[in-house]
């Protein structure tokens, strides 16, 4: 369960079905993993969209973070409005024998606890277990979030329950499972995930999971 003193909790407590893609985006990718956008191009789009909060969650990489942070800092010094940037990374792991993705958010950049997962590819052996990933994220001062809970071999009902049991902090409540050109949450399934997360007292996030050239879609 989340450390409610974490500064990101106050932001996530305000997430609604309308938060993404114009206000918040806690799931997107750059060329530092399997995305199409260069980090600065993604940062510029985020600024143009007027995003309030952003986390870039490349797979097993935080290489984009400092580049975007430097850009936002320079823009801020010039008086331009920029999103609040949070650290992020998407980590592959095994949960109840099912390969899933966990988003690490708001951790200390460069923390040694996440070094093993920040090498461009999934870990092997014991570190591949979801409970090990959650512990590492917490040790680095971050929050652990189950990404797109309805995209796996096992149903979201089973996976979210299991994730809660190992101490995960939240889940990606609002997601475009239809992968439309412009992001829109998928009805029914997202409502079900949102309700399950609420009932378990877990945080809820949203993000476009952008891999293409437009931050407003996937």
Protein backbone atom coordinates (compact mmCIF):
# COMPACT_ATOMS: atom_id res chain seq x y z
CA UNK A 1 0.00 0.00 0.00
CA UNK A 2 1.19 3.48 -0.86
CA UNK A 3 3.08 5.67 1.55
CA UNK A 4 0.46 8.42 1.64
CA UNK A 5 3.14 10.98 2.44
CA UNK A 6 4.63 10.50 -1.03
CA UNK A 7 4.10 13.79 -2.92
CA UNK A 8 2.73 12.01 -5.97
CA UNK A 9 -0.18 10.59 -3.95
CA UNK A 10 -1.85 13.99 -3.76
CA UNK A 11 -1.80 14.18 -7.55
CA UNK A 12 -3.05 10.63 -8.12
CA UNK A 13 -5.88 11.12 -5.65
CA UNK A 14 -7.30 13.64 -8.11
CA UNK A 15 -7.16 11.39 -11.20
CA UNK A 16 -10.48 11.05 -13.03
CA UNK A 17 -11.64 9.62 -16.33
CA UNK A 18 -11.10 13.09 -17.83
CA UNK A 19 -7.51 13.60 -16.63
CA UNK A 20 -5.85 12.09 -19.71
CA UNK A 21 -4.61 13.01 -22.29
CA UNK A 22 -4.81 16.77 -21.69
CA UNK A 23 -3.95 17.08 -18.01
CA UNK A 24 -2.00 14.08 -16.75
CA UNK A 25 0.10 11.43 -18.46
CA UNK A 26 1.89 8.81 -16.38
CA UNK A 27 2.60 6.28 -19.14
CA UNK A 28 4.44 7.11 -22.38
CA UNK A 29 7.57 6.09 -24.27
CA UNK A 30 10.44 7.59 -26.24
CA UNK A 31 13.20 6.29 -28.48
CA UNK A 32 15.06 5.36 -25.30
CA UNK A 33 12.99 2.17 -25.38
CA UNK A 34 10.39 1.29 -28.02
CA UNK A 35 8.80 4.68 -28.68
CA UNK A 36 9.02 6.80 -31.83
CA UNK A 37 9.46 10.23 -30.24
CA UNK A 38 12.81 11.67 -29.26
CA UNK A 39 12.75 12.76 -25.61
CA UNK A 40 12.78 16.46 -26.43
CA UNK A 41 10.01 16.05 -29.01
CA UNK A 42 7.87 14.35 -26.38
CA UNK A 43 8.67 17.12 -23.89
CA UNK A 44 7.68 19.79 -26.40
CA UNK A 45 4.37 18.06 -27.11
CA UNK A 46 3.67 17.75 -23.38
CA UNK A 47 4.31 21.46 -22.98
CA UNK A 48 2.12 22.36 -25.96
CA UNK A 49 -0.70 20.19 -24.61
CA UNK A 50 -0.53 22.05 -21.33
CA UNK A 51 0.01 18.90 -19.30
CA UNK A 52 0.18 19.51 -15.56
CA UNK A 53 2.05 16.31 -14.69
CA UNK A 54 4.16 13.93 -16.80
CA UNK A 55 6.11 10.72 -16.28
CA UNK A 56 8.02 9.09 -19.13
CA UNK A 57 7.98 5.34 -18.54
CA UNK A 58 10.40 3.79 -21.00
CA UNK A 59 10.89 0.06 -20.67
CA UNK A 60 13.80 -0.61 -18.32
CA UNK A 61 15.31 2.81 -18.99
CA UNK A 62 15.38 6.25 -17.41
CA UNK A 63 17.65 7.70 -20.09
CA UNK A 64 15.07 10.27 -21.21
CA UNK A 65 14.51 11.74 -17.76
CA UNK A 66 17.48 14.09 -17.40
CA UNK A 67 17.15 15.36 -20.98
CA UNK A 68 13.52 16.28 -20.42
CA UNK A 69 14.25 17.70 -16.97
CA UNK A 70 16.93 19.98 -18.44
CA UNK A 71 14.57 21.15 -21.18
CA UNK A 72 11.75 21.91 -18.74
CA UNK A 73 14.15 23.72 -16.42
CA UNK A 74 15.38 25.94 -19.26
CA UNK A 75 11.82 26.64 -20.39
CA UNK A 76 10.77 27.47 -16.85
CA UNK A 77 13.65 29.92 -16.46
CA UNK A 78 12.36 31.70 -19.57
CA UNK A 79 8.94 32.05 -17.98
CA UNK A 80 7.19 29.31 -19.96
CA UNK A 81 4.71 26.98 -18.27
CA UNK A 82 5.91 23.37 -18.13
CA UNK A 83 4.53 20.14 -16.65
CA UNK A 84 5.77 18.80 -13.34
CA UNK A 85 8.08 15.95 -14.36
CA UNK A 86 8.15 12.73 -12.34
CA UNK A 87 10.58 9.87 -12.72
CA UNK A 88 9.14 6.82 -14.42
CA UNK A 89 10.04 3.40 -15.79
CA UNK A 90 8.06 0.38 -17.00
CA UNK A 91 9.33 -2.90 -15.59
CA UNK A 92 8.43 -6.41 -16.77
CA UNK A 93 7.83 -9.00 -14.06
CA UNK A 94 5.92 -12.15 -13.15
CA UNK A 95 2.74 -11.88 -11.11
CA UNK A 96 0.94 -15.12 -10.30
CA UNK A 97 2.94 -16.74 -13.11
CA UNK A 98 1.73 -14.13 -15.62
CA UNK A 99 4.08 -11.67 -17.36
CA UNK A 100 2.91 -8.16 -16.48
CA UNK A 101 4.25 -4.62 -16.52
CA UNK A 102 4.66 -2.48 -13.42
CA UNK A 103 5.15 1.27 -13.62
CA UNK A 104 7.68 2.74 -11.22
CA UNK A 105 6.74 6.37 -10.53
CA UNK A 106 8.22 9.15 -8.44
CA UNK A 107 11.37 7.30 -7.35
CA UNK A 108 14.81 8.77 -6.66
CA UNK A 109 16.55 8.99 -10.01
CA UNK A 110 19.66 6.82 -10.13
CA UNK A 111 18.82 4.95 -6.92
CA UNK A 112 20.79 1.73 -6.73
CA UNK A 113 17.70 -0.31 -5.79
CA UNK A 114 16.46 0.04 -9.38
CA UNK A 115 19.83 -0.35 -11.09
CA UNK A 116 19.15 -3.96 -12.07
CA UNK A 117 15.89 -2.96 -13.78
CA UNK A 118 17.41 0.04 -15.57
CA UNK A 119 19.54 -1.95 -18.03
CA UNK A 120 17.32 -1.99 -21.12
CA UNK A 121 15.84 -5.45 -20.59
CA UNK A 122 13.93 -7.52 -18.07
CA UNK A 123 15.68 -9.08 -15.11
CA UNK A 124 15.96 -12.85 -14.71
CA UNK A 125 15.51 -15.21 -11.79
CA UNK A 126 14.22 -13.98 -8.43
CA UNK A 127 14.39 -10.27 -9.42
CA UNK A 128 11.79 -10.99 -12.11
CA UNK A 129 9.16 -11.69 -9.45
CA UNK A 130 6.60 -8.93 -9.02
CA UNK A 131 7.11 -8.78 -5.27
CA UNK A 132 10.83 -8.18 -5.81
CA UNK A 133 10.06 -5.37 -8.27
CA UNK A 134 7.62 -3.72 -5.87
CA UNK A 135 10.17 -3.89 -3.04
CA UNK A 136 12.85 -2.35 -5.26
CA UNK A 137 10.56 0.50 -6.30
CA UNK A 138 9.68 1.21 -2.68
CA UNK A 139 13.34 1.08 -1.67
CA UNK A 140 14.02 3.74 -4.30
CA UNK A 141 11.31 5.94 -2.80
CA UNK A 142 8.78 5.37 -5.57
CA UNK A 143 5.26 4.10 -6.12
CA UNK A 144 4.50 0.82 -7.91
CA UNK A 145 1.52 0.72 -10.28
CA UNK A 146 0.13 -2.21 -12.28
CA UNK A 147 0.03 -1.07 -15.91
CA UNK A 148 -3.02 -1.73 -18.15
CA UNK A 149 -4.49 -4.48 -15.92
CA UNK A 150 -6.80 -5.83 -18.62
CA UNK A 151 -4.13 -6.62 -21.22
CA UNK A 152 -2.82 -9.86 -19.77
CA UNK A 153 -3.41 -13.61 -19.94
CA UNK A 154 -5.08 -13.51 -16.54
CA UNK A 155 -8.06 -11.26 -15.83
CA UNK A 156 -7.70 -7.95 -14.07
CA UNK A 157 -9.84 -9.16 -11.16
CA UNK A 158 -7.24 -11.83 -10.32
CA UNK A 159 -4.14 -9.74 -11.04
CA UNK A 160 -5.19 -6.65 -9.10
CA UNK A 161 -6.07 -8.76 -6.07
CA UNK A 162 -2.69 -10.48 -6.24
CA UNK A 163 -0.89 -7.18 -6.78
CA UNK A 164 -2.61 -5.69 -3.75
CA UNK A 165 -1.52 -8.69 -1.67
CA UNK A 166 2.16 -8.05 -2.45
CA UNK A 167 1.95 -4.36 -1.57
CA UNK A 168 1.48 -2.62 -4.90
CA UNK A 169 0.38 1.00 -4.58
CA UNK A 170 -2.06 1.34 -7.45
CA UNK A 171 -3.20 0.45 -10.92
CA UNK A 172 -3.73 2.11 -14.27
CA UNK A 173 -7.47 2.71 -14.04
CA UNK A 174 -7.98 4.65 -17.26
CA UNK A 175 -6.49 3.14 -20.43
CA UNK A 176 -7.37 2.98 -24.11
CA UNK A 177 -7.57 -0.75 -24.77
CA UNK A 178 -8.92 -0.04 -28.28
CA UNK A 179 -5.75 1.94 -29.07
CA UNK A 180 -7.53 4.72 -30.92
CA UNK A 181 -5.67 7.54 -32.74
CA UNK A 182 -6.77 9.96 -30.00
CA UNK A 183 -6.78 8.46 -26.51
CA UNK A 184 -10.11 7.63 -24.95
CA UNK A 185 -10.71 5.29 -21.99
CA UNK A 186 -12.39 2.01 -22.84
CA UNK A 187 -15.90 1.85 -21.34
CA UNK A 188 -16.99 -0.90 -18.96
CA UNK A 189 -13.57 -2.47 -18.44
CA UNK A 190 -12.03 0.76 -17.14
CA UNK A 191 -15.03 1.38 -14.92
CA UNK A 192 -14.63 -2.13 -13.49
CA UNK A 193 -10.90 -1.64 -12.86
CA UNK A 194 -11.50 1.76 -11.29
CA UNK A 195 -14.08 0.32 -8.90
CA UNK A 196 -11.86 -2.61 -7.95
CA UNK A 197 -8.93 -0.30 -7.20
CA UNK A 198 -11.15 1.98 -5.13
CA UNK A 199 -12.51 -0.94 -3.11
CA UNK A 200 -8.96 -2.08 -2.34
CA UNK A 201 -7.86 1.41 -1.34
CA UNK A 202 -5.33 1.60 -4.18
CA UNK A 203 -4.20 4.63 -6.15
CA UNK A 204 -5.38 5.11 -9.72
CA UNK A 205 -3.37 6.44 -12.65
CA UNK A 206 -3.89 7.15 -16.34
CA UNK A 207 -1.65 7.46 -19.38
CA UNK A 208 -1.67 7.23 -23.15
CA UNK A 209 1.05 4.55 -23.39
CA UNK A 210 2.28 6.48 -26.41
CA UNK A 211 4.69 4.61 -28.68
CA UNK A 212 4.04 6.66 -31.81
CA UNK A 213 4.55 10.29 -32.77
CA UNK A 214 1.48 11.81 -31.10
CA UNK A 215 1.38 12.06 -27.33
CA UNK A 216 -2.43 12.20 -27.43
CA UNK A 217 -2.66 8.57 -28.60
CA UNK A 218 -0.83 5.29 -28.45
